[in-house]
Amino acid sequence: MWRIYAEAHRVLVLDDWMRQLHSRDSSLNTKGVVLALSNWQRLLWALQEGVLAQNLFFQLQDEVESVHEMTKMEDGIEERRK
């Protein structure tokens, strides 16, 4: 499986907890807490997905958001909301 995740152009994570979040209404802290407590974190292959994927995305309620977008500084997120 490691080769599949390492060679995949994009990996999309579908998790019920993450899908309840709105990208624009949820703070960076909220996203982090929900991600840490999500069922995805408990899956054996999640480590492979998270570490090996070149581009990791999460399906939120209103859009798909990349890990890079989620980890931007809070100021950047506030700027996007305007």
N, C-alpha and C. Protein backbone atom coordinates (compact mmCIF):
# COMPACT_ATOMS: atom_id res chain seq x y z
N MET A 1 0.82 -1.20 0.00
CA MET A 1 0.00 0.00 0.00
C MET A 1 0.86 1.27 0.00
N TRP A 2 2.05 1.19 0.59
CA TRP A 2 2.88 2.39 0.66
C TRP A 2 3.14 2.96 -0.73
N ARG A 3 3.33 2.11 -1.72
CA ARG A 3 3.60 2.59 -3.07
C ARG A 3 2.39 3.33 -3.64
N ILE A 4 1.21 2.83 -3.36
CA ILE A 4 -0.02 3.48 -3.86
C ILE A 4 -0.12 4.90 -3.32
N TYR A 5 0.07 5.08 -2.02
CA TYR A 5 -0.02 6.41 -1.42
C TYR A 5 1.14 7.31 -1.86
N ALA A 6 2.33 6.75 -1.95
CA ALA A 6 3.50 7.55 -2.34
C ALA A 6 3.42 8.01 -3.79
N GLU A 7 2.81 7.20 -4.65
CA GLU A 7 2.74 7.55 -6.07
C GLU A 7 1.45 8.26 -6.45
N ALA A 8 0.50 8.31 -5.55
CA ALA A 8 -0.78 8.98 -5.84
C ALA A 8 -0.54 10.48 -5.94
N HIS A 9 -1.17 11.08 -6.94
CA HIS A 9 -1.04 12.54 -7.09
C HIS A 9 -1.77 13.25 -5.96
N ARG A 10 -2.94 12.74 -5.61
CA ARG A 10 -3.74 13.30 -4.52
C ARG A 10 -4.40 12.17 -3.73
N VAL A 11 -4.54 12.39 -2.42
CA VAL A 11 -5.25 11.45 -1.56
C VAL A 11 -6.34 12.25 -0.85
N LEU A 12 -7.58 11.77 -0.96
CA LEU A 12 -8.72 12.44 -0.34
C LEU A 12 -9.19 11.63 0.86
N VAL A 13 -9.25 12.28 2.02
CA VAL A 13 -9.71 11.64 3.24
C VAL A 13 -11.19 11.96 3.44
N LEU A 14 -11.98 10.92 3.61
CA LEU A 14 -13.41 11.07 3.89
C LEU A 14 -13.65 10.58 5.31
N ASP A 15 -13.99 11.50 6.19
CA ASP A 15 -14.22 11.18 7.59
C ASP A 15 -15.47 11.93 8.04
N ASP A 16 -16.36 11.24 8.72
CA ASP A 16 -17.63 11.84 9.14
C ASP A 16 -17.44 13.09 9.99
N TRP A 17 -16.48 13.08 10.91
CA TRP A 17 -16.26 14.24 11.76
C TRP A 17 -15.76 15.43 10.95
N MET A 18 -14.82 15.18 10.06
CA MET A 18 -14.28 16.26 9.23
C MET A 18 -15.34 16.82 8.29
N ARG A 19 -16.24 15.98 7.84
CA ARG A 19 -17.28 16.42 6.90
C ARG A 19 -18.33 17.30 7.57
N GLN A 20 -18.30 17.41 8.88
CA GLN A 20 -19.23 18.29 9.59
C GLN A 20 -18.71 19.72 9.69
N LEU A 21 -17.44 19.93 9.36
CA LEU A 21 -16.83 21.25 9.46
C LEU A 21 -17.09 22.09 8.21
N HIS A 22 -17.32 23.37 8.41
CA HIS A 22 -17.39 24.33 7.30
C HIS A 22 -15.99 24.94 7.17
N SER A 23 -15.46 24.97 5.97
CA SER A 23 -14.09 25.46 5.79
C SER A 23 -13.92 26.90 6.24
N ARG A 24 -14.86 27.75 5.94
CA ARG A 24 -14.70 29.18 6.26
C ARG A 24 -15.12 29.52 7.70
N ASP A 25 -15.99 28.73 8.29
CA ASP A 25 -16.49 29.03 9.63
C ASP A 25 -15.69 28.36 10.74
N SER A 26 -14.82 27.45 10.40
CA SER A 26 -14.07 26.69 11.40
C SER A 26 -12.65 27.24 11.54
N SER A 27 -12.25 27.51 12.76
CA SER A 27 -10.90 28.03 13.00
C SER A 27 -9.87 26.93 12.81
N LEU A 28 -8.63 27.34 12.72
CA LEU A 28 -7.52 26.40 12.61
C LEU A 28 -7.50 25.47 13.82
N ASN A 29 -7.75 26.02 15.01
CA ASN A 29 -7.78 25.19 16.23
C ASN A 29 -8.89 24.15 16.19
N THR A 30 -10.07 24.56 15.74
CA THR A 30 -11.20 23.63 15.65
C THR A 30 -10.88 22.50 14.68
N LYS A 31 -10.33 22.84 13.53
CA LYS A 31 -9.97 21.82 12.54
C LYS A 31 -8.94 20.85 13.12
N GLY A 32 -7.97 21.40 13.84
CA GLY A 32 -6.94 20.55 14.43
C GLY A 32 -7.48 19.58 15.47
N VAL A 33 -8.37 20.08 16.32
CA VAL A 33 -8.97 19.22 17.35
C VAL A 33 -9.84 18.14 16.72
N VAL A 34 -10.67 18.53 15.76
CA VAL A 34 -11.54 17.56 15.10
C VAL A 34 -10.71 16.52 14.36
N LEU A 35 -9.65 16.95 13.70
CA LEU A 35 -8.77 16.00 13.01
C LEU A 35 -8.11 15.05 13.99
N ALA A 36 -7.63 15.57 15.12
CA ALA A 36 -6.97 14.73 16.12
C ALA A 36 -7.92 13.70 16.72
N LEU A 37 -9.20 14.05 16.84
CA LEU A 37 -10.18 13.15 17.44
C LEU A 37 -10.95 12.32 16.42
N SER A 38 -10.68 12.54 15.14
CA SER A 38 -11.46 11.88 14.09
C SER A 38 -11.19 10.38 14.03
N ASN A 39 -12.12 9.68 13.44
CA ASN A 39 -11.97 8.24 13.26
C ASN A 39 -10.81 7.92 12.33
N TRP A 40 -10.50 8.84 11.41
CA TRP A 40 -9.41 8.63 10.46
C TRP A 40 -8.10 8.38 11.19
N GLN A 41 -7.87 9.07 12.30
CA GLN A 41 -6.64 8.92 13.05
C GLN A 41 -6.48 7.51 13.64
N ARG A 42 -7.57 6.81 13.79
CA ARG A 42 -7.55 5.48 14.40
C ARG A 42 -7.34 4.36 13.38
N LEU A 43 -7.32 4.71 12.11
CA LEU A 43 -7.17 3.71 11.06
C LEU A 43 -5.69 3.41 10.84
N LEU A 44 -5.39 2.14 10.66
CA LEU A 44 -4.01 1.71 10.49
C LEU A 44 -3.36 2.36 9.27
N TRP A 45 -4.09 2.48 8.19
CA TRP A 45 -3.51 3.03 6.96
C TRP A 45 -3.45 4.55 6.95
N ALA A 46 -4.02 5.20 7.95
CA ALA A 46 -3.99 6.66 8.00
C ALA A 46 -2.56 7.18 8.11
N LEU A 47 -1.70 6.47 8.80
CA LEU A 47 -0.31 6.89 8.90
C LEU A 47 0.33 6.89 7.52
N GLN A 48 0.08 5.85 6.74
CA GLN A 48 0.61 5.80 5.39
C GLN A 48 0.04 6.93 4.54
N GLU A 49 -1.25 7.15 4.62
CA GLU A 49 -1.88 8.23 3.86
C GLU A 49 -1.27 9.58 4.23
N GLY A 50 -1.20 9.83 5.51
CA GLY A 50 -0.73 11.12 6.00
C GLY A 50 0.73 11.40 5.72
N VAL A 51 1.56 10.39 5.84
CA VAL A 51 3.00 10.57 5.67
C VAL A 51 3.43 10.48 4.21
N LEU A 52 2.86 9.55 3.47
CA LEU A 52 3.34 9.28 2.12
C LEU A 52 2.65 10.09 1.02
N ALA A 53 1.46 10.55 1.26
CA ALA A 53 0.73 11.27 0.22
C ALA A 53 1.44 12.56 -0.15
N GLN A 54 1.59 12.79 -1.44
CA GLN A 54 2.20 14.03 -1.92
C GLN A 54 1.28 15.21 -1.65
N ASN A 55 -0.01 15.01 -1.85
CA ASN A 55 -1.02 16.04 -1.65
C ASN A 55 -2.19 15.42 -0.91
N LEU A 56 -2.34 15.75 0.37
CA LEU A 56 -3.39 15.18 1.20
C LEU A 56 -4.52 16.19 1.36
N PHE A 57 -5.73 15.74 1.07
CA PHE A 57 -6.92 16.60 1.13
C PHE A 57 -7.95 15.98 2.06
N PHE A 58 -8.76 16.85 2.69
CA PHE A 58 -9.86 16.42 3.54
C PHE A 58 -11.17 16.97 2.97
N GLN A 59 -12.18 16.14 2.92
CA GLN A 59 -13.50 16.59 2.49
C GLN A 59 -14.19 17.21 3.69
N LEU A 60 -14.44 18.52 3.60
CA LEU A 60 -15.22 19.21 4.62
C LEU A 60 -16.65 19.32 4.11
N GLN A 61 -17.52 19.93 4.87
CA GLN A 61 -18.92 19.98 4.48
C GLN A 61 -19.12 20.77 3.19
N ASP A 62 -18.40 21.87 3.05
CA ASP A 62 -18.64 22.74 1.90
C ASP A 62 -17.57 22.72 0.83
N GLU A 63 -16.43 22.09 1.08
CA GLU A 63 -15.38 22.00 0.06
C GLU A 63 -14.29 21.05 0.51
N VAL A 64 -13.39 20.81 -0.41
CA VAL A 64 -12.20 20.00 -0.13
C VAL A 64 -11.08 20.96 0.24
N GLU A 65 -10.35 20.63 1.30
CA GLU A 65 -9.27 21.50 1.75
C GLU A 65 -8.00 20.68 1.95
N SER A 66 -6.89 21.21 1.48
CA SER A 66 -5.62 20.49 1.61
C SER A 66 -5.03 20.69 3.00
N VAL A 67 -4.13 19.82 3.37
CA VAL A 67 -3.42 19.95 4.64
C VAL A 67 -2.67 21.28 4.66
N HIS A 68 -2.10 21.67 3.53
CA HIS A 68 -1.37 22.93 3.46
C HIS A 68 -2.29 24.12 3.75
N GLU A 69 -3.51 24.08 3.23
CA GLU A 69 -4.46 25.15 3.51
C GLU A 69 -4.86 25.17 4.98
N MET A 70 -5.00 23.99 5.57
CA MET A 70 -5.41 23.90 6.97
C MET A 70 -4.33 24.40 7.91
N THR A 71 -3.09 24.30 7.50
CA THR A 71 -2.00 24.65 8.40
C THR A 71 -1.48 26.06 8.19
N LYS A 72 -2.18 26.84 7.36
CA LYS A 72 -1.79 28.24 7.19
C LYS A 72 -1.98 28.99 8.51
N MET A 73 -1.29 30.06 8.64
CA MET A 73 -1.43 30.89 9.84
C MET A 73 -2.87 31.37 9.98
N GLU A 74 -3.32 31.56 11.19
CA GLU A 74 -4.68 32.02 11.46
C GLU A 74 -4.99 33.32 10.73
N ASP A 75 -4.01 34.21 10.58
CA ASP A 75 -4.22 35.47 9.86
C ASP A 75 -4.61 35.20 8.42
N GLY A 76 -3.99 34.21 7.80
CA GLY A 76 -4.32 33.88 6.43
C GLY A 76 -5.74 33.38 6.30
N ILE A 77 -6.19 32.64 7.27
CA ILE A 77 -7.57 32.13 7.25
C ILE A 77 -8.54 33.28 7.44
N GLU A 78 -8.23 34.18 8.36
CA GLU A 78 -9.09 35.35 8.57
C GLU A 78 -9.16 36.18 7.30
N GLU A 79 -8.06 36.30 6.60
CA GLU A 79 -8.04 37.08 5.36
C GLU A 79 -8.95 36.44 4.32
N ARG A 80 -8.97 35.11 4.24
CA ARG A 80 -9.80 34.40 3.26
C ARG A 80 -11.27 34.60 3.53
N ARG A 81 -11.65 34.76 4.78
CA ARG A 81 -13.08 34.90 5.15
C ARG A 81 -13.67 36.22 4.68
N LYS A 82 -12.84 37.22 4.48
CA LYS A 82 -13.33 38.55 4.13
C LYS A 82 -13.80 38.62 2.70
